[in-house]
């Protein structure tokens, strides 16, 4: 079995230098580190993980606590995010500790147990909320963490995060509907305590303002993130505003629920009412009709969260503390309502 002594003899560096290079210490130059890593790969070196963890006082584990509900993985968002996190963590020889908790006191206690018990080297926090006590706690105890999402627009995002520019994404979606000739456009949002909700509402309002279409708060409905939320929200909009011709939903599951509500009334999605979602989860393209949606790079966000976290675990200050990822409008049949374009 190849050991540190063998690597030392091959590379000409001391055993201490070889060990510190492989452990990721920043007092070893990058050139030296790469030379040692290349030799280790060529010789088939396999470190003793337990010994390495003891030396570094690290667990080689990243923690992730996700929201707990009956449909968390049917959202399509978290399974893609987890795949990105898991792939990047595995490549860095890290394991994942995953827990699910409903928002509230028990959730915060879970963070305290994991951090206080030294069970993870760093934490990835998902789905930020208004006045997020989880972030406040992790900052207070100075435990390495990164966040999937920002604070609300009215709060400081003074922590390392990766988010998608959902305000621009929703603005693009609503603008697309306006260019098709729609002026009576509803919006179905997640609960207001979720941080990104206000960004998406602002994107919708910006699109209306740019087209000089009045913003009407009663055309904005809040509901849960599941199909049930979209279904209830769409029914509420149609009951209150029978002249509605289009709706923007803030995730794809809500959009699917909205489509079901439209079809249950004998209306045709894409002809009488246009529907746009957000996320582009796998099921979106298989909807009937296929769902127009705002694609966010969920898998890539997962990978980059790990890439942002690892230097923080190593005691380094990340060069960028906030990363905003772009979105892309994916046009499918659900927005193809036959509305007479403006100006004709």
Protein backbone atom coordinates (compact mmCIF):
# COMPACT_ATOMS: atom_id res chain seq x y z
CA UNK A 1 0.00 0.00 0.00
CA UNK A 2 1.33 3.42 -0.98
CA UNK A 3 1.94 5.71 1.99
CA UNK A 4 3.13 9.23 2.71
CA UNK A 5 6.76 8.04 2.84
CA UNK A 6 6.46 6.69 -0.70
CA UNK A 7 5.03 9.97 -1.93
CA UNK A 8 7.77 11.86 -0.12
CA UNK A 9 10.48 9.79 -1.81
CA UNK A 10 8.91 10.19 -5.25
CA UNK A 11 8.33 13.94 -5.06
CA UNK A 12 11.34 14.95 -2.98
CA UNK A 13 9.19 16.84 -0.50
CA UNK A 14 9.09 16.16 3.22
CA UNK A 15 6.40 13.92 4.68
CA UNK A 16 4.97 16.99 6.45
CA UNK A 17 4.71 18.93 3.19
CA UNK A 18 3.11 15.98 1.41
CA UNK A 19 0.59 15.52 4.22
CA UNK A 20 -0.34 19.20 4.38
CA UNK A 21 -0.65 19.44 0.60
CA UNK A 22 -3.08 16.52 0.47
CA UNK A 23 -5.05 17.88 3.43
CA UNK A 24 -5.59 21.20 1.66
CA UNK A 25 -3.63 23.51 3.98
CA UNK A 26 -3.04 26.92 2.42
CA UNK A 27 0.61 27.16 3.54
CA UNK A 28 1.57 24.86 0.65
CA UNK A 29 2.00 26.53 -2.74
CA UNK A 30 -0.41 25.56 -5.48
CA UNK A 31 2.43 24.37 -7.70
CA UNK A 32 3.72 22.04 -4.97
CA UNK A 33 0.21 20.83 -4.17
CA UNK A 34 -0.51 19.94 -7.79
CA UNK A 35 2.81 18.11 -8.12
CA UNK A 36 2.05 16.03 -5.02
CA UNK A 37 -1.54 15.35 -6.08
CA UNK A 38 -0.36 14.18 -9.50
CA UNK A 39 2.14 11.81 -7.89
CA UNK A 40 -0.55 10.50 -5.55
CA UNK A 41 -2.84 9.77 -8.49
CA UNK A 42 -0.08 8.01 -10.42
CA UNK A 43 0.86 5.85 -7.44
CA UNK A 44 -2.73 5.03 -6.43
CA UNK A 45 -2.42 6.62 -2.99
CA UNK A 46 -5.52 6.21 -0.79
CA UNK A 47 -5.44 8.28 2.41
CA UNK A 48 -6.68 6.94 5.71
CA UNK A 49 -9.83 9.06 5.97
CA UNK A 50 -10.30 8.57 9.71
CA UNK A 51 -6.72 9.56 10.46
CA UNK A 52 -6.99 12.58 8.19
CA UNK A 53 -10.18 13.72 9.88
CA UNK A 54 -8.61 13.38 13.32
CA UNK A 55 -5.57 15.40 12.27
CA UNK A 56 -7.69 18.15 10.77
CA UNK A 57 -10.43 17.86 13.40
CA UNK A 58 -12.88 17.69 10.52
CA UNK A 59 -15.74 15.35 9.77
CA UNK A 60 -15.56 15.57 5.96
CA UNK A 61 -19.32 16.08 6.11
CA UNK A 62 -21.59 18.87 4.87
CA UNK A 63 -24.98 19.39 6.49
CA UNK A 64 -28.20 20.25 4.68
CA UNK A 65 -31.56 20.72 6.39
CA UNK A 66 -34.44 20.93 3.93
CA UNK A 67 -38.06 21.99 4.51
CA UNK A 68 -40.24 19.12 5.65
CA UNK A 69 -43.57 18.46 3.95
CA UNK A 70 -45.32 15.57 2.25
CA UNK A 71 -44.40 16.75 -1.23
CA UNK A 72 -40.89 18.13 -0.87
CA UNK A 73 -39.37 16.01 -3.62
CA UNK A 74 -42.37 16.24 -5.92
CA UNK A 75 -41.49 19.93 -6.29
CA UNK A 76 -38.71 18.84 -8.63
CA UNK A 77 -36.50 21.59 -7.22
CA UNK A 78 -34.87 19.92 -4.26
CA UNK A 79 -34.02 16.67 -6.02
CA UNK A 80 -32.06 18.60 -8.66
CA UNK A 81 -30.43 20.79 -6.01
CA UNK A 82 -29.44 17.72 -3.98
CA UNK A 83 -27.97 16.05 -7.04
CA UNK A 84 -25.75 19.05 -7.70
CA UNK A 85 -24.69 19.30 -4.05
CA UNK A 86 -24.08 15.56 -3.80
CA UNK A 87 -22.00 15.36 -6.97
CA UNK A 88 -19.78 18.28 -6.02
CA UNK A 89 -19.41 17.09 -2.42
CA UNK A 90 -18.49 13.59 -3.54
CA UNK A 91 -15.83 14.91 -5.90
CA UNK A 92 -14.33 16.77 -2.93
CA UNK A 93 -14.45 13.58 -0.80
CA UNK A 94 -17.22 14.97 1.40
CA UNK A 95 -20.33 13.20 2.64
CA UNK A 96 -23.77 14.77 3.08
CA UNK A 97 -25.81 14.79 6.28
CA UNK A 98 -29.40 15.52 5.22
CA UNK A 99 -32.24 16.26 7.60
CA UNK A 100 -35.79 17.49 7.04
CA UNK A 101 -37.57 19.82 9.45
CA UNK A 102 -40.65 21.99 9.28
CA UNK A 103 -39.96 25.71 9.78
CA UNK A 104 -40.07 26.71 13.43
CA UNK A 105 -38.41 26.09 16.77
CA UNK A 106 -37.67 22.42 16.08
CA UNK A 107 -35.87 23.37 12.88
CA UNK A 108 -33.59 25.82 14.68
CA UNK A 109 -32.90 23.23 17.38
CA UNK A 110 -31.80 20.83 14.65
CA UNK A 111 -29.23 23.37 13.50
CA UNK A 112 -28.02 23.81 17.06
CA UNK A 113 -27.65 20.06 17.60
CA UNK A 114 -25.75 19.53 14.37
CA UNK A 115 -23.43 22.48 14.92
CA UNK A 116 -23.02 21.98 18.67
CA UNK A 117 -22.25 18.30 18.21
CA UNK A 118 -19.52 19.04 15.66
CA UNK A 119 -21.26 16.71 13.23
CA UNK A 120 -20.52 18.74 10.10
CA UNK A 121 -17.75 20.98 8.81
CA UNK A 122 -20.15 23.32 7.09
CA UNK A 123 -23.84 23.83 6.38
CA UNK A 124 -25.84 24.63 3.27
CA UNK A 125 -29.00 26.51 4.15
CA UNK A 126 -31.90 26.39 1.69
CA UNK A 127 -34.94 28.58 1.00
CA UNK A 128 -34.34 31.76 2.95
CA UNK A 129 -37.15 33.48 4.83
CA UNK A 130 -37.90 36.92 6.23
CA UNK A 131 -35.79 37.69 9.31
CA UNK A 132 -34.22 34.24 8.99
CA UNK A 133 -33.22 33.07 12.48
CA UNK A 134 -31.17 30.20 11.03
CA UNK A 135 -28.80 32.65 9.35
CA UNK A 136 -28.62 34.79 12.49
CA UNK A 137 -27.66 31.71 14.53
CA UNK A 138 -24.96 30.49 12.13
CA UNK A 139 -23.43 33.96 11.98
CA UNK A 140 -23.52 34.26 15.76
CA UNK A 141 -21.66 30.98 16.34
CA UNK A 142 -19.32 31.62 13.39
CA UNK A 143 -19.93 28.22 11.81
CA UNK A 144 -19.06 27.84 8.10
CA UNK A 145 -22.18 28.08 5.95
CA UNK A 146 -23.50 29.14 2.58
CA UNK A 147 -27.05 29.90 1.55
CA UNK A 148 -29.21 28.99 -1.41
CA UNK A 149 -31.06 32.28 -1.71
CA UNK A 150 -30.77 35.87 -0.51
CA UNK A 151 -32.42 37.86 2.22
CA UNK A 152 -35.55 39.81 1.31
CA UNK A 153 -35.04 43.05 -0.66
CA UNK A 154 -35.47 45.05 2.56
CA UNK A 155 -32.76 43.14 4.45
CA UNK A 156 -28.98 42.88 4.06
CA UNK A 157 -27.65 39.75 2.36
CA UNK A 158 -24.42 39.96 4.37
CA UNK A 159 -23.61 36.25 4.11
CA UNK A 160 -22.25 33.95 1.39
CA UNK A 161 -25.06 33.00 -0.97
CA UNK A 162 -25.95 31.80 -4.43
CA UNK A 163 -29.32 32.85 -5.78
CA UNK A 164 -31.12 33.06 -9.08
CA UNK A 165 -32.18 36.44 -10.43
CA UNK A 166 -35.85 35.60 -10.05
CA UNK A 167 -36.92 39.24 -10.25
CA UNK A 168 -35.49 39.47 -13.77
CA UNK A 169 -36.89 36.03 -14.59
CA UNK A 170 -40.46 36.93 -13.69
CA UNK A 171 -40.13 40.29 -15.44
CA UNK A 172 -39.08 38.45 -18.61
CA UNK A 173 -42.01 36.04 -18.32
CA UNK A 174 -44.58 38.79 -17.81
CA UNK A 175 -43.04 40.87 -20.60
CA UNK A 176 -43.38 37.91 -22.95
CA UNK A 177 -47.09 37.69 -22.16
CA UNK A 178 -47.51 41.43 -22.69
CA UNK A 179 -45.84 41.14 -26.10
CA UNK A 180 -48.40 38.49 -26.99
CA UNK A 181 -51.07 41.12 -26.34
CA UNK A 182 -52.11 40.27 -22.78
CA UNK A 183 -52.96 43.05 -20.36
CA UNK A 184 -55.08 41.17 -17.81
CA UNK A 185 -52.33 39.09 -16.23
CA UNK A 186 -52.60 37.47 -12.81
CA UNK A 187 -49.76 36.43 -10.52
CA UNK A 188 -49.71 33.46 -8.13
CA UNK A 189 -46.98 33.79 -5.50
CA UNK A 190 -45.62 31.62 -2.68
CA UNK A 191 -46.21 32.64 0.96
CA UNK A 192 -44.89 36.16 1.66
CA UNK A 193 -42.49 34.97 4.37
CA UNK A 194 -40.33 33.21 1.75
CA UNK A 195 -37.55 35.64 0.82
CA UNK A 196 -37.76 35.32 -2.95
CA UNK A 197 -41.51 36.04 -3.04
CA UNK A 198 -41.05 39.80 -3.01
CA UNK A 199 -38.36 39.67 -5.72
CA UNK A 200 -40.77 37.85 -8.01
CA UNK A 201 -43.64 40.21 -7.22
CA UNK A 202 -41.40 43.16 -8.09
CA UNK A 203 -40.42 41.55 -11.39
CA UNK A 204 -44.10 41.24 -12.32
CA UNK A 205 -44.79 44.85 -11.36
CA UNK A 206 -41.76 46.09 -13.31
CA UNK A 207 -43.04 44.40 -16.48
CA UNK A 208 -46.46 46.01 -16.05
CA UNK A 209 -44.96 49.42 -15.30
CA UNK A 210 -42.73 49.26 -18.38
CA UNK A 211 -45.81 48.55 -20.53
CA UNK A 212 -47.88 51.21 -18.73
CA UNK A 213 -50.33 48.59 -17.52
CA UNK A 214 -51.76 49.42 -14.07
CA UNK A 215 -50.51 47.25 -11.23
CA UNK A 216 -53.54 45.90 -9.38
CA UNK A 217 -52.81 44.20 -6.03
CA UNK A 218 -56.04 42.20 -6.23
CA UNK A 219 -54.63 40.39 -9.27
CA UNK A 220 -51.87 38.97 -7.04
CA UNK A 221 -52.66 35.80 -5.06
CA UNK A 222 -50.52 34.07 -2.42
CA UNK A 223 -50.62 30.32 -1.87
CA UNK A 224 -48.54 27.30 -0.98
CA UNK A 225 -45.80 26.04 -3.29
CA UNK A 226 -47.65 22.91 -4.36
CA UNK A 227 -50.20 22.17 -7.08
CA UNK A 228 -52.93 22.79 -4.53
CA UNK A 229 -51.71 26.37 -4.13
CA UNK A 230 -51.80 26.98 -7.86
CA UNK A 231 -55.22 25.36 -8.18
CA UNK A 232 -56.74 27.44 -5.39
CA UNK A 233 -55.01 30.61 -6.55
CA UNK A 234 -56.20 30.19 -10.14
CA UNK A 235 -59.78 29.61 -9.04
CA UNK A 236 -59.64 32.72 -6.86
CA UNK A 237 -58.36 34.80 -9.80
CA UNK A 238 -60.98 33.46 -12.21
CA UNK A 239 -63.77 34.03 -9.70
CA UNK A 240 -62.70 37.63 -9.12
CA UNK A 241 -61.49 38.49 -12.62
CA UNK A 242 -63.29 36.51 -15.35
CA UNK A 243 -61.59 38.75 -17.95
CA UNK A 244 -58.16 37.34 -17.01
CA UNK A 245 -56.27 36.01 -20.05
CA UNK A 246 -52.87 35.03 -18.60
CA UNK A 247 -51.21 34.06 -15.34
CA UNK A 248 -47.63 33.89 -14.10
CA UNK A 249 -47.00 31.24 -11.44
CA UNK A 250 -43.91 31.34 -9.28
CA UNK A 251 -43.02 27.69 -9.60
CA UNK A 252 -43.92 24.91 -12.00
CA UNK A 253 -46.03 22.91 -9.57
CA UNK A 254 -48.23 25.94 -8.92
CA UNK A 255 -48.49 26.39 -12.69
CA UNK A 256 -49.61 22.78 -13.13
CA UNK A 257 -52.27 23.31 -10.47
CA UNK A 258 -53.39 26.50 -12.22
CA UNK A 259 -53.66 24.63 -15.53
CA UNK A 260 -55.82 21.99 -13.87
CA UNK A 261 -58.15 24.68 -12.49
CA UNK A 262 -58.45 26.28 -15.92
CA UNK A 263 -59.20 22.98 -17.62
CA UNK A 264 -61.73 22.02 -14.93
CA UNK A 265 -63.77 25.06 -16.02
CA UNK A 266 -63.79 23.90 -19.62
CA UNK A 267 -61.25 26.50 -20.72
CA UNK A 268 -58.28 25.75 -22.97
CA UNK A 269 -54.77 26.48 -21.68
CA UNK A 270 -52.71 28.20 -24.34
CA UNK A 271 -55.75 29.35 -26.30
CA UNK A 272 -58.06 31.06 -23.83
CA UNK A 273 -55.66 31.50 -20.91
CA UNK A 274 -51.86 31.54 -21.09
CA UNK A 275 -49.84 30.04 -18.23
CA UNK A 276 -46.16 30.51 -17.36
CA UNK A 277 -44.26 28.76 -14.55
CA UNK A 278 -40.83 29.03 -12.96
CA UNK A 279 -37.99 26.48 -12.45
CA UNK A 280 -38.31 24.20 -15.52
CA UNK A 281 -38.48 21.01 -13.48
CA UNK A 282 -38.50 17.80 -15.59
CA UNK A 283 -42.29 17.40 -15.51
CA UNK A 284 -42.85 20.84 -17.11
CA UNK A 285 -42.19 19.72 -20.68
CA UNK A 286 -44.53 16.74 -20.26
CA UNK A 287 -47.51 18.80 -19.08
CA UNK A 288 -50.56 19.04 -21.34
CA UNK A 289 -49.96 21.41 -22.96
CA UNK A 290 -46.19 21.63 -22.33
CA UNK A 291 -45.46 24.42 -19.86
CA UNK A 292 -43.75 27.67 -20.74
CA UNK A 293 -41.46 28.40 -17.81
CA UNK A 294 -38.50 30.34 -16.51
CA UNK A 295 -35.56 27.96 -16.25
CA UNK A 296 -33.14 28.33 -13.39
CA UNK A 297 -29.89 26.31 -13.28
CA UNK A 298 -30.82 24.29 -10.20
CA UNK A 299 -28.19 21.56 -10.56
CA UNK A 300 -25.45 24.13 -11.20
CA UNK A 301 -26.54 26.12 -8.14
CA UNK A 302 -26.12 22.97 -6.04
CA UNK A 303 -22.60 22.41 -7.33
CA UNK A 304 -21.56 26.01 -6.84
CA UNK A 305 -22.88 26.07 -3.28
CA UNK A 306 -20.35 23.35 -2.41
CA UNK A 307 -17.60 25.16 -4.31
CA UNK A 308 -18.36 28.31 -2.33
CA UNK A 309 -18.50 26.46 1.00
CA UNK A 310 -15.26 24.47 0.83
CA UNK A 311 -12.86 27.45 1.03
CA UNK A 312 -14.88 28.80 3.96
CA UNK A 313 -14.46 25.47 5.75
CA UNK A 314 -10.71 25.75 5.09
CA UNK A 315 -10.67 29.14 6.83
CA UNK A 316 -10.41 31.23 3.69
CA UNK A 317 -12.45 34.30 2.84
CA UNK A 318 -14.38 33.69 -0.37
CA UNK A 319 -13.50 36.19 -3.14
CA UNK A 320 -17.22 36.61 -3.90
CA UNK A 321 -19.82 36.42 -1.15
CA UNK A 322 -22.90 36.72 -3.35
CA UNK A 323 -23.53 35.10 -6.72
CA UNK A 324 -26.64 35.81 -8.80
CA UNK A 325 -27.36 33.23 -11.49
CA UNK A 326 -29.24 34.11 -14.70
CA UNK A 327 -32.55 32.63 -15.84
CA UNK A 328 -33.83 31.64 -19.28
CA UNK A 329 -37.38 31.77 -20.61
CA UNK A 330 -38.36 28.41 -22.14
CA UNK A 331 -41.30 28.97 -24.47
CA UNK A 332 -43.71 26.07 -24.93
CA UNK A 333 -47.37 25.71 -25.85
CA UNK A 334 -48.99 26.80 -22.57
CA UNK A 335 -48.48 30.50 -23.35
CA UNK A 336 -49.76 30.31 -26.93
CA UNK A 337 -53.07 32.09 -26.35
CA UNK A 338 -54.45 33.61 -29.53
CA UNK A 339 -54.61 37.23 -28.39
CA UNK A 340 -54.71 40.02 -30.96
CA UNK A 341 -51.33 41.82 -30.73
CA UNK A 342 -51.49 45.42 -29.57
CA UNK A 343 -51.34 48.01 -32.34
CA UNK A 344 -53.45 46.07 -34.87
